[in-house]
Amino acid sequence: MAHYKFDIAKLEKLNDPARFESLPPDLFFAALDVPDGASVIVEIGAGTGLFAEAIAKRAPEATVYVADIAEEAIEWMREHRAGVAEGRIVPVLAGETHVPLDDAIADALFMINIHHEFVDTAASYREALRLLKPGGRLLVVDWAARETPKGPPQAVRATPSGLAECLKGAGFVDVMVDDSALPWHTMATARRSGE
């Protein structure tokens, strides 16, 4: 699959709270179905940590690890995110297909607008599966494969069936893909098998 990387020089663009209008954190938190008392949530491709901060507010007992491959993003979060100073949000410099965290660490894991950037989609989702505890929930939100007023080229957008196939191929179960819940995005949920 083709991929399209975000221009890190536009990092501040990721921090616009107006993004919540089309990407509502309440909907995402509900879709993650974070268990009561969850201790760890992971975001892959966190950018400035805008969504991680929103999720952390909704899961006050959890530590949220925010992984990104760009050192500039990690430094930005360290300098600007209050949750980092409080220890609730922990920035992690990651590789393209490796996040330096323990196996089965996360109760829930989410990715917002990162699927189209993956160079090795299968390896990226296998890594997400590795990080989740048995029964842990995955949320993937990415640009829908239809015309939208902004977003990456159509060639890098996944169809609902293509996204479902990626998740199942990586070993996820209970895969559900919805391309009607959001105006410009497709939303998928899945789970690591086991309890």
N, C-alpha and C. Protein backbone atom coordinates (compact mmCIF):
# COMPACT_ATOMS: atom_id res chain seq x y z
N MET A 1 0.85 -1.19 0.00
CA MET A 1 0.00 0.00 0.00
C MET A 1 0.89 1.25 0.00
N ALA A 2 0.47 2.25 -0.73
CA ALA A 2 1.19 3.52 -0.73
C ALA A 2 1.05 4.19 0.63
N HIS A 3 1.99 5.08 0.93
CA HIS A 3 1.91 5.81 2.19
C HIS A 3 2.21 7.28 1.94
N TYR A 4 1.86 8.11 2.91
CA TYR A 4 2.00 9.55 2.76
C TYR A 4 2.33 10.12 4.13
N LYS A 5 3.55 10.61 4.30
CA LYS A 5 4.02 11.09 5.60
C LYS A 5 3.61 12.54 5.85
N PHE A 6 3.27 12.81 7.10
CA PHE A 6 2.95 14.16 7.54
C PHE A 6 4.22 15.00 7.56
N ASP A 7 4.11 16.24 7.15
CA ASP A 7 5.25 17.16 7.17
C ASP A 7 5.43 17.69 8.58
N ILE A 8 6.47 17.25 9.26
CA ILE A 8 6.70 17.61 10.67
C ILE A 8 6.87 19.12 10.86
N ALA A 9 7.19 19.84 9.80
CA ALA A 9 7.30 21.30 9.89
C ALA A 9 5.93 21.93 10.19
N LYS A 10 4.86 21.17 9.96
CA LYS A 10 3.50 21.66 10.22
C LYS A 10 2.95 21.13 11.56
N LEU A 11 3.83 20.84 12.48
CA LEU A 11 3.44 20.23 13.76
C LEU A 11 2.34 21.00 14.48
N GLU A 12 2.42 22.32 14.49
CA GLU A 12 1.42 23.12 15.20
C GLU A 12 0.01 22.88 14.66
N LYS A 13 -0.09 22.51 13.39
CA LYS A 13 -1.39 22.23 12.78
C LYS A 13 -2.11 21.08 13.51
N LEU A 14 -1.32 20.14 14.03
CA LEU A 14 -1.89 19.00 14.75
C LEU A 14 -2.51 19.41 16.08
N ASN A 15 -2.15 20.58 16.57
CA ASN A 15 -2.55 20.99 17.90
C ASN A 15 -3.81 21.86 17.91
N ASP A 16 -4.49 21.95 16.81
CA ASP A 16 -5.67 22.80 16.68
C ASP A 16 -6.88 22.10 17.32
N PRO A 17 -7.44 22.66 18.42
CA PRO A 17 -8.59 22.01 19.05
C PRO A 17 -9.82 21.95 18.15
N ALA A 18 -9.83 22.71 17.06
CA ALA A 18 -10.94 22.63 16.11
C ALA A 18 -11.03 21.23 15.49
N ARG A 19 -9.93 20.47 15.58
CA ARG A 19 -9.95 19.09 15.06
C ARG A 19 -11.00 18.24 15.77
N PHE A 20 -11.32 18.60 17.02
CA PHE A 20 -12.30 17.83 17.79
C PHE A 20 -13.70 17.91 17.19
N GLU A 21 -13.96 18.92 16.34
CA GLU A 21 -15.28 19.04 15.73
C GLU A 21 -15.58 17.85 14.82
N SER A 22 -14.60 17.40 14.06
CA SER A 22 -14.82 16.25 13.18
C SER A 22 -14.24 14.96 13.76
N LEU A 23 -13.45 15.09 14.82
CA LEU A 23 -12.82 13.93 15.47
C LEU A 23 -13.10 14.01 16.98
N PRO A 24 -14.32 13.66 17.41
CA PRO A 24 -14.72 13.89 18.80
C PRO A 24 -14.13 12.88 19.80
N PRO A 25 -13.36 13.36 20.78
CA PRO A 25 -12.76 12.46 21.77
C PRO A 25 -13.78 11.63 22.56
N ASP A 26 -14.96 12.17 22.82
CA ASP A 26 -15.97 11.39 23.56
C ASP A 26 -16.35 10.13 22.79
N LEU A 27 -16.53 10.26 21.49
CA LEU A 27 -16.85 9.11 20.65
C LEU A 27 -15.71 8.10 20.67
N PHE A 28 -14.48 8.59 20.59
CA PHE A 28 -13.32 7.70 20.57
C PHE A 28 -13.16 6.98 21.91
N PHE A 29 -13.36 7.70 23.00
CA PHE A 29 -13.23 7.08 24.31
C PHE A 29 -14.29 5.99 24.49
N ALA A 30 -15.50 6.27 24.05
CA ALA A 30 -16.57 5.25 24.12
C ALA A 30 -16.21 4.04 23.27
N ALA A 31 -15.67 4.28 22.08
CA ALA A 31 -15.31 3.18 21.18
C ALA A 31 -14.16 2.34 21.75
N LEU A 32 -13.25 2.98 22.48
CA LEU A 32 -12.15 2.23 23.10
C LEU A 32 -12.64 1.32 24.21
N ASP A 33 -13.79 1.66 24.80
CA ASP A 33 -14.38 0.83 25.86
C ASP A 33 -13.33 0.53 26.94
N VAL A 34 -12.69 1.60 27.41
CA VAL A 34 -11.63 1.45 28.42
C VAL A 34 -12.23 0.89 29.70
N PRO A 35 -11.67 -0.22 30.21
CA PRO A 35 -12.23 -0.80 31.43
C PRO A 35 -11.99 0.09 32.64
N ASP A 36 -12.90 0.02 33.61
CA ASP A 36 -12.71 0.75 34.86
C ASP A 36 -11.38 0.34 35.48
N GLY A 37 -10.65 1.32 35.96
CA GLY A 37 -9.37 1.03 36.59
C GLY A 37 -8.25 0.71 35.62
N ALA A 38 -8.46 0.99 34.33
CA ALA A 38 -7.41 0.73 33.33
C ALA A 38 -6.15 1.46 33.74
N SER A 39 -5.02 0.78 33.58
CA SER A 39 -3.76 1.40 34.01
C SER A 39 -2.95 1.99 32.87
N VAL A 40 -3.09 1.46 31.65
CA VAL A 40 -2.26 1.93 30.53
C VAL A 40 -3.07 2.02 29.24
N ILE A 41 -2.94 3.18 28.60
CA ILE A 41 -3.48 3.41 27.27
C ILE A 41 -2.30 3.87 26.41
N VAL A 42 -2.25 3.43 25.16
CA VAL A 42 -1.16 3.82 24.26
C VAL A 42 -1.75 4.49 23.03
N GLU A 43 -1.12 5.59 22.61
CA GLU A 43 -1.44 6.18 21.31
C GLU A 43 -0.20 6.06 20.42
N ILE A 44 -0.39 5.50 19.24
CA ILE A 44 0.69 5.41 18.25
C ILE A 44 0.46 6.51 17.21
N GLY A 45 1.53 7.25 16.91
CA GLY A 45 1.43 8.37 15.98
C GLY A 45 0.79 9.57 16.64
N ALA A 46 1.26 9.91 17.83
CA ALA A 46 0.61 10.89 18.69
C ALA A 46 0.76 12.34 18.25
N GLY A 47 1.76 12.64 17.44
CA GLY A 47 1.95 14.04 17.04
C GLY A 47 2.21 14.92 18.25
N THR A 48 1.32 15.88 18.50
CA THR A 48 1.48 16.78 19.65
C THR A 48 0.80 16.25 20.91
N GLY A 49 0.16 15.08 20.82
CA GLY A 49 -0.52 14.52 21.99
C GLY A 49 -1.88 15.14 22.25
N LEU A 50 -2.45 15.82 21.28
CA LEU A 50 -3.76 16.46 21.44
C LEU A 50 -4.83 15.45 21.85
N PHE A 51 -4.88 14.33 21.14
CA PHE A 51 -5.90 13.33 21.45
C PHE A 51 -5.55 12.55 22.71
N ALA A 52 -4.26 12.32 22.94
CA ALA A 52 -3.84 11.62 24.16
C ALA A 52 -4.27 12.40 25.40
N GLU A 53 -4.11 13.72 25.34
CA GLU A 53 -4.52 14.54 26.48
C GLU A 53 -6.02 14.44 26.71
N ALA A 54 -6.79 14.46 25.62
CA ALA A 54 -8.25 14.35 25.73
C ALA A 54 -8.66 13.00 26.30
N ILE A 55 -8.01 11.94 25.88
CA ILE A 55 -8.31 10.60 26.40
C ILE A 55 -7.87 10.49 27.85
N ALA A 56 -6.72 11.05 28.20
CA ALA A 56 -6.23 11.00 29.58
C ALA A 56 -7.22 11.65 30.55
N LYS A 57 -7.86 12.72 30.12
CA LYS A 57 -8.86 13.39 30.97
C LYS A 57 -10.05 12.49 31.25
N ARG A 58 -10.35 11.60 30.32
CA ARG A 58 -11.50 10.71 30.45
C ARG A 58 -11.15 9.40 31.17
N ALA A 59 -9.87 9.15 31.38
CA ALA A 59 -9.40 7.93 32.07
C ALA A 59 -8.41 8.37 33.15
N PRO A 60 -8.90 8.97 34.22
CA PRO A 60 -8.02 9.61 35.20
C PRO A 60 -7.07 8.66 35.93
N GLU A 61 -7.32 7.38 35.92
CA GLU A 61 -6.44 6.44 36.62
C GLU A 61 -5.34 5.88 35.71
N ALA A 62 -5.43 6.15 34.42
CA ALA A 62 -4.51 5.53 33.47
C ALA A 62 -3.31 6.43 33.16
N THR A 63 -2.21 5.77 32.83
CA THR A 63 -1.05 6.43 32.23
C THR A 63 -1.22 6.27 30.72
N VAL A 64 -1.01 7.37 29.99
CA VAL A 64 -1.14 7.32 28.53
C VAL A 64 0.25 7.48 27.92
N TYR A 65 0.72 6.42 27.27
CA TYR A 65 2.00 6.46 26.55
C TYR A 65 1.72 6.98 25.15
N VAL A 66 2.48 8.00 24.73
CA VAL A 66 2.28 8.62 23.43
C VAL A 66 3.52 8.38 22.58
N ALA A 67 3.37 7.52 21.58
CA ALA A 67 4.50 7.12 20.74
C ALA A 67 4.47 7.86 19.42
N ASP A 68 5.63 8.32 18.99
CA ASP A 68 5.75 8.96 17.69
C ASP A 68 7.17 8.72 17.18
N ILE A 69 7.33 8.74 15.84
CA ILE A 69 8.65 8.50 15.26
C ILE A 69 9.46 9.79 15.12
N ALA A 70 8.81 10.94 15.32
CA ALA A 70 9.48 12.23 15.14
C ALA A 70 9.98 12.78 16.47
N GLU A 71 11.27 12.98 16.57
CA GLU A 71 11.84 13.55 17.80
C GLU A 71 11.24 14.92 18.09
N GLU A 72 10.93 15.70 17.03
CA GLU A 72 10.34 17.03 17.22
C GLU A 72 8.99 16.93 17.94
N ALA A 73 8.21 15.92 17.61
CA ALA A 73 6.91 15.73 18.27
C ALA A 73 7.10 15.37 19.74
N ILE A 74 8.03 14.48 20.01
CA ILE A 74 8.31 14.07 21.40
C ILE A 74 8.74 15.28 22.22
N GLU A 75 9.65 16.07 21.68
CA GLU A 75 10.13 17.27 22.39
C GLU A 75 9.01 18.28 22.58
N TRP A 76 8.16 18.45 21.57
CA TRP A 76 7.04 19.38 21.69
C TRP A 76 6.14 18.97 22.86
N MET A 77 5.83 17.68 22.96
CA MET A 77 4.97 17.21 24.06
C MET A 77 5.64 17.44 25.40
N ARG A 78 6.93 17.15 25.48
CA ARG A 78 7.64 17.35 26.75
C ARG A 78 7.61 18.81 27.19
N GLU A 79 7.66 19.72 26.23
CA GLU A 79 7.69 21.14 26.56
C GLU A 79 6.31 21.76 26.77
N HIS A 80 5.26 21.18 26.19
CA HIS A 80 3.96 21.85 26.19
C HIS A 80 2.80 21.11 26.83
N ARG A 81 2.86 19.81 26.97
CA ARG A 81 1.73 19.06 27.51
C ARG A 81 1.83 18.99 29.03
N ALA A 82 0.83 19.56 29.71
CA ALA A 82 0.82 19.53 31.18
C ALA A 82 0.81 18.10 31.70
N GLY A 83 0.14 17.22 31.00
CA GLY A 83 0.07 15.82 31.43
C GLY A 83 1.43 15.15 31.48
N VAL A 84 2.37 15.63 30.66
CA VAL A 84 3.72 15.07 30.68
C VAL A 84 4.40 15.44 31.99
N ALA A 85 4.31 16.71 32.38
CA ALA A 85 4.91 17.16 33.64
C ALA A 85 4.29 16.44 34.83
N GLU A 86 3.02 16.12 34.73
CA GLU A 86 2.31 15.42 35.83
C GLU A 86 2.60 13.92 35.84
N GLY A 87 3.22 13.41 34.77
CA GLY A 87 3.50 11.98 34.70
C GLY A 87 2.36 11.14 34.18
N ARG A 88 1.26 11.76 33.79
CA ARG A 88 0.09 11.04 33.26
C ARG A 88 0.26 10.69 31.79
N ILE A 89 1.02 11.54 31.07
CA ILE A 89 1.29 11.32 29.65
C ILE A 89 2.79 11.13 29.51
N VAL A 90 3.17 10.00 28.88
CA VAL A 90 4.59 9.65 28.78
C VAL A 90 4.99 9.55 27.31
N PRO A 91 5.76 10.52 26.78
CA PRO A 91 6.21 10.45 25.40
C PRO A 91 7.24 9.34 25.19
N VAL A 92 7.10 8.64 24.06
CA VAL A 92 7.99 7.53 23.73
C VAL A 92 8.42 7.67 22.27
N LEU A 93 9.72 7.79 22.04
CA LEU A 93 10.24 7.82 20.68
C LEU A 93 10.20 6.40 20.13
N ALA A 94 9.46 6.22 19.05
CA ALA A 94 9.24 4.88 18.49
C ALA A 94 9.92 4.75 17.13
N GLY A 95 10.06 3.53 16.69
CA GLY A 95 10.49 3.24 15.33
C GLY A 95 9.27 3.09 14.45
N GLU A 96 9.49 2.90 13.19
CA GLU A 96 8.39 2.77 12.24
C GLU A 96 7.46 1.59 12.58
N THR A 97 8.04 0.49 13.04
CA THR A 97 7.22 -0.69 13.37
C THR A 97 7.55 -1.24 14.76
N HIS A 98 8.16 -0.41 15.61
CA HIS A 98 8.48 -0.87 16.96
C HIS A 98 8.30 0.26 17.96
N VAL A 99 7.53 -0.04 19.00
CA VAL A 99 7.34 0.89 20.12
C VAL A 99 8.05 0.27 21.32
N PRO A 100 9.03 0.96 21.90
CA PRO A 100 9.81 0.37 22.98
C PRO A 100 9.07 0.31 24.32
N LEU A 101 8.00 -0.50 24.33
CA LEU A 101 7.23 -0.78 25.54
C LEU A 101 7.08 -2.28 25.67
N ASP A 102 6.78 -2.74 26.88
CA ASP A 102 6.66 -4.18 27.14
C ASP A 102 5.48 -4.80 26.40
N ASP A 103 5.59 -6.10 26.17
CA ASP A 103 4.47 -6.87 25.63
C ASP A 103 3.26 -6.74 26.55
N ALA A 104 2.08 -6.74 25.95
CA ALA A 104 0.81 -6.80 26.69
C ALA A 104 0.74 -5.75 27.80
N ILE A 105 1.17 -4.53 27.50
CA ILE A 105 1.17 -3.46 28.50
C ILE A 105 -0.13 -2.67 28.52
N ALA A 106 -0.84 -2.62 27.40
CA ALA A 106 -1.95 -1.68 27.23
C ALA A 106 -3.33 -2.30 27.39
N ASP A 107 -4.17 -1.60 28.13
CA ASP A 107 -5.59 -1.96 28.21
C ASP A 107 -6.30 -1.53 26.93
N ALA A 108 -5.83 -0.45 26.32
CA ALA A 108 -6.41 0.07 25.08
C ALA A 108 -5.32 0.78 24.30
N LEU A 109 -5.50 0.83 22.98
CA LEU A 109 -4.52 1.46 22.10
C LEU A 109 -5.28 2.16 20.99
N PHE A 110 -4.86 3.37 20.64
CA PHE A 110 -5.53 4.07 19.56
C PHE A 110 -4.55 4.75 18.62
N MET A 111 -5.04 4.98 17.39
CA MET A 111 -4.28 5.63 16.33
C MET A 111 -5.23 6.55 15.58
N ILE A 112 -4.88 7.82 15.50
CA ILE A 112 -5.71 8.80 14.80
C ILE A 112 -4.92 9.33 13.60
N ASN A 113 -5.45 9.13 12.41
CA ASN A 113 -4.84 9.65 11.17
C ASN A 113 -3.40 9.21 10.97
N ILE A 114 -3.13 7.93 11.23
CA ILE A 114 -1.76 7.43 11.04
C ILE A 114 -1.71 6.25 10.06
N HIS A 115 -2.83 5.57 9.86
CA HIS A 115 -2.85 4.38 8.99
C HIS A 115 -2.24 4.69 7.62
N HIS A 116 -2.60 5.82 7.03
CA HIS A 116 -2.13 6.15 5.68
C HIS A 116 -0.63 6.47 5.64
N GLU A 117 0.00 6.62 6.81
CA GLU A 117 1.44 6.89 6.86
C GLU A 117 2.28 5.62 6.99
N PHE A 118 1.66 4.50 7.30
CA PHE A 118 2.42 3.27 7.53
C PHE A 118 3.13 2.81 6.26
N VAL A 119 4.41 2.52 6.39
CA VAL A 119 5.18 1.94 5.29
C VAL A 119 4.92 0.44 5.24
N ASP A 120 4.92 -0.20 6.40
CA ASP A 120 4.65 -1.64 6.51
C ASP A 120 3.43 -1.81 7.42
N THR A 121 2.27 -1.74 6.80
CA THR A 121 1.01 -1.76 7.55
C THR A 121 0.88 -3.01 8.40
N ALA A 122 1.20 -4.17 7.84
CA ALA A 122 1.07 -5.43 8.58
C ALA A 122 1.94 -5.42 9.83
N ALA A 123 3.19 -5.00 9.70
CA ALA A 123 4.09 -4.96 10.85
C ALA A 123 3.62 -3.95 11.89
N SER A 124 3.08 -2.84 11.46
CA SER A 124 2.59 -1.82 12.40
C SER A 124 1.43 -2.35 13.22
N TYR A 125 0.51 -3.08 12.58
CA TYR A 125 -0.62 -3.63 13.34
C TYR A 125 -0.22 -4.83 14.20
N ARG A 126 0.77 -5.60 13.76
CA ARG A 126 1.27 -6.68 14.62
C ARG A 126 1.89 -6.08 15.89
N GLU A 127 2.56 -4.94 15.74
CA GLU A 127 3.15 -4.27 16.90
C GLU A 127 2.06 -3.77 17.84
N ALA A 128 0.99 -3.23 17.30
CA ALA A 128 -0.14 -2.81 18.14
C ALA A 128 -0.72 -4.00 18.90
N LEU A 129 -0.86 -5.12 18.21
CA LEU A 129 -1.38 -6.33 18.86
C LEU A 129 -0.46 -6.77 20.00
N ARG A 130 0.85 -6.71 19.77
CA ARG A 130 1.82 -7.10 20.79
C ARG A 130 1.67 -6.24 22.06
N LEU A 131 1.39 -4.98 21.88
CA LEU A 131 1.31 -4.06 23.01
C LEU A 131 0.04 -4.23 23.84
N LEU A 132 -1.01 -4.76 23.23
CA LEU A 132 -2.29 -4.90 23.93
C LEU A 132 -2.32 -6.12 24.84
N LYS A 133 -2.97 -5.94 25.99
CA LYS A 133 -3.24 -7.07 26.88
C LYS A 133 -4.28 -7.97 26.20
N PRO A 134 -4.33 -9.24 26.55
CA PRO A 134 -5.42 -10.07 26.03
C PRO A 134 -6.77 -9.42 26.37
N GLY A 135 -7.62 -9.32 25.38
CA GLY A 135 -8.90 -8.65 25.56
C GLY A 135 -8.83 -7.15 25.35
N GLY A 136 -7.62 -6.60 25.19
CA GLY A 136 -7.45 -5.15 25.00
C GLY A 136 -8.03 -4.68 23.68
N ARG A 137 -8.44 -3.44 23.67
CA ARG A 137 -9.18 -2.88 22.55
C ARG A 137 -8.33 -1.91 21.73
N LEU A 138 -8.51 -1.98 20.41
CA LEU A 138 -7.84 -1.10 19.46
C LEU A 138 -8.86 -0.19 18.79
N LEU A 139 -8.49 1.08 18.61
CA LEU A 139 -9.29 2.02 17.83
C LEU A 139 -8.39 2.61 16.76
N VAL A 140 -8.84 2.56 15.51
CA VAL A 140 -8.12 3.15 14.39
C VAL A 140 -9.08 4.13 13.70
N VAL A 141 -8.62 5.37 13.55
CA VAL A 141 -9.38 6.38 12.82
C VAL A 141 -8.47 6.92 11.73
N ASP A 142 -8.95 6.91 10.50
CA ASP A 142 -8.15 7.46 9.41
C ASP A 142 -9.08 8.02 8.34
N TRP A 143 -8.48 8.78 7.43
CA TRP A 143 -9.24 9.43 6.37
C TRP A 143 -10.03 8.42 5.54
N ALA A 144 -11.31 8.71 5.33
CA ALA A 144 -12.18 7.82 4.56
C ALA A 144 -11.77 7.82 3.08
N ALA A 145 -12.05 6.72 2.42
CA ALA A 145 -11.74 6.56 0.99
C ALA A 145 -12.85 7.18 0.15
N ARG A 146 -13.07 8.47 0.38
CA ARG A 146 -14.05 9.24 -0.40
C ARG A 146 -13.56 10.69 -0.44
N GLU A 147 -14.18 11.49 -1.26
CA GLU A 147 -13.78 12.90 -1.37
C GLU A 147 -14.07 13.62 -0.06
N THR A 148 -13.08 14.36 0.43
CA THR A 148 -13.22 15.17 1.63
C THR A 148 -12.58 16.52 1.36
N PRO A 149 -12.97 17.56 2.11
CA PRO A 149 -12.43 18.89 1.82
C PRO A 149 -10.94 19.04 2.13
N LYS A 150 -10.37 18.10 2.86
CA LYS A 150 -8.94 18.10 3.12
C LYS A 150 -8.52 16.66 3.39
N GLY A 151 -7.22 16.46 3.58
CA GLY A 151 -6.73 15.12 3.84
C GLY A 151 -5.72 14.68 2.80
N PRO A 152 -5.17 13.49 3.00
CA PRO A 152 -4.13 12.98 2.09
C PRO A 152 -4.73 12.53 0.76
N PRO A 153 -3.87 12.23 -0.21
CA PRO A 153 -4.37 11.77 -1.51
C PRO A 153 -5.20 10.48 -1.38
N GLN A 154 -6.15 10.33 -2.28
CA GLN A 154 -7.02 9.15 -2.27
C GLN A 154 -6.22 7.84 -2.35
N ALA A 155 -5.11 7.87 -3.05
CA ALA A 155 -4.32 6.65 -3.26
C ALA A 155 -3.80 6.04 -1.97
N VAL A 156 -3.71 6.80 -0.89
CA VAL A 156 -3.18 6.26 0.37
C VAL A 156 -4.27 5.96 1.39
N ARG A 157 -5.51 6.19 1.04
CA ARG A 157 -6.61 5.97 1.97
C ARG A 157 -7.11 4.53 1.88
N ALA A 158 -7.39 3.95 3.02
CA ALA A 158 -7.86 2.56 3.05
C ALA A 158 -9.38 2.50 2.93
N THR A 159 -9.86 1.56 2.15
CA THR A 159 -11.30 1.30 2.11
C THR A 159 -11.69 0.59 3.40
N PRO A 160 -12.96 0.60 3.76
CA PRO A 160 -13.38 -0.14 4.97
C PRO A 160 -12.98 -1.61 4.91
N SER A 161 -13.17 -2.25 3.75
CA SER A 161 -12.81 -3.67 3.65
C SER A 161 -11.30 -3.86 3.73
N GLY A 162 -10.54 -2.94 3.15
CA GLY A 162 -9.08 -3.03 3.22
C GLY A 162 -8.57 -2.86 4.64
N LEU A 163 -9.17 -1.93 5.39
CA LEU A 163 -8.78 -1.73 6.78
C LEU A 163 -9.12 -2.96 7.61
N ALA A 164 -10.31 -3.50 7.41
CA ALA A 164 -10.71 -4.71 8.14
C ALA A 164 -9.76 -5.86 7.85
N GLU A 165 -9.38 -6.00 6.60
CA GLU A 165 -8.45 -7.07 6.20
C GLU A 165 -7.09 -6.90 6.89
N CYS A 166 -6.61 -5.66 6.97
CA CYS A 166 -5.33 -5.40 7.66
C CYS A 166 -5.40 -5.84 9.12
N LEU A 167 -6.47 -5.47 9.78
CA LEU A 167 -6.60 -5.78 11.21
C LEU A 167 -6.74 -7.28 11.45
N LYS A 168 -7.56 -7.94 10.66
CA LYS A 168 -7.71 -9.39 10.80
C LYS A 168 -6.42 -10.11 10.47
N GLY A 169 -5.72 -9.64 9.44
CA GLY A 169 -4.45 -10.25 9.06
C GLY A 169 -3.39 -10.15 10.14
N ALA A 170 -3.48 -9.11 10.96
CA ALA A 170 -2.52 -8.93 12.06
C ALA A 170 -2.87 -9.77 13.28
N GLY A 171 -4.07 -10.36 13.28
CA GLY A 171 -4.47 -11.22 14.39
C GLY A 171 -5.56 -10.66 15.28
N PHE A 172 -6.12 -9.50 14.92
CA PHE A 172 -7.19 -8.93 15.74
C PHE A 172 -8.50 -9.67 15.49
N VAL A 173 -9.35 -9.65 16.51
CA VAL A 173 -10.68 -10.26 16.41
C VAL A 173 -11.72 -9.18 16.67
N ASP A 174 -12.98 -9.54 16.47
CA ASP A 174 -14.10 -8.61 16.68
C ASP A 174 -13.88 -7.30 15.92
N VAL A 175 -13.42 -7.40 14.70
CA VAL A 175 -13.12 -6.22 13.89
C VAL A 175 -14.43 -5.62 13.36
N MET A 176 -14.60 -4.33 13.62
CA MET A 176 -15.77 -3.60 13.11
C MET A 176 -15.27 -2.30 12.48
N VAL A 177 -15.74 -2.01 11.28
CA VAL A 177 -15.34 -0.80 10.57
C VAL A 177 -16.59 0.00 10.23
N ASP A 178 -16.56 1.29 10.55
CA ASP A 178 -17.70 2.17 10.32
C ASP A 178 -17.21 3.39 9.54
N ASP A 179 -17.72 3.58 8.32
CA ASP A 179 -17.31 4.76 7.57
C ASP A 179 -18.43 5.80 7.50
N SER A 180 -19.39 5.70 8.44
CA SER A 180 -20.49 6.68 8.46
C SER A 180 -20.57 7.46 9.76
N ALA A 181 -19.82 7.09 10.78
CA ALA A 181 -19.92 7.75 12.09
C ALA A 181 -19.25 9.12 12.11
N LEU A 182 -18.31 9.34 11.21
CA LEU A 182 -17.55 10.59 11.17
C LEU A 182 -17.66 11.21 9.77
N PRO A 183 -17.62 12.55 9.68
CA PRO A 183 -17.84 13.17 8.37
C PRO A 183 -16.76 12.87 7.33
N TRP A 184 -15.49 12.78 7.74
CA TRP A 184 -14.41 12.64 6.78
C TRP A 184 -13.54 11.41 7.03
N HIS A 185 -13.87 10.63 8.03
CA HIS A 185 -13.00 9.54 8.47
C HIS A 185 -13.73 8.22 8.58
N THR A 186 -12.95 7.16 8.54
CA THR A 186 -13.41 5.81 8.83
C THR A 186 -12.91 5.47 10.23
N MET A 187 -13.74 4.79 10.99
CA MET A 187 -13.38 4.40 12.36
C MET A 187 -13.48 2.87 12.47
N ALA A 188 -12.44 2.26 12.99
CA ALA A 188 -12.44 0.81 13.17
C ALA A 188 -12.11 0.47 14.61
N THR A 189 -12.75 -0.57 15.12
CA THR A 189 -12.40 -1.11 16.43
C THR A 189 -12.09 -2.60 16.26
N ALA A 190 -11.26 -3.09 17.15
CA ALA A 190 -10.88 -4.50 17.14
C ALA A 190 -10.38 -4.84 18.52
N ARG A 191 -10.09 -6.10 18.74
CA ARG A 191 -9.68 -6.56 20.06
C ARG A 191 -8.62 -7.63 19.91
N ARG A 192 -7.71 -7.67 20.88
CA ARG A 192 -6.79 -8.82 20.96
C ARG A 192 -7.54 -9.94 21.65
N SER A 193 -7.48 -11.14 21.12
CA SER A 193 -8.23 -12.24 21.70
C SER A 193 -7.74 -12.57 23.11
N GLY A 194 -8.57 -13.26 23.86
CA GLY A 194 -8.22 -13.64 25.23
C GLY A 194 -8.88 -12.72 26.24
N GLU A 195 -8.72 -13.09 27.49
CA GLU A 195 -9.33 -12.28 28.58
C GLU A 195 -8.28 -11.82 29.54
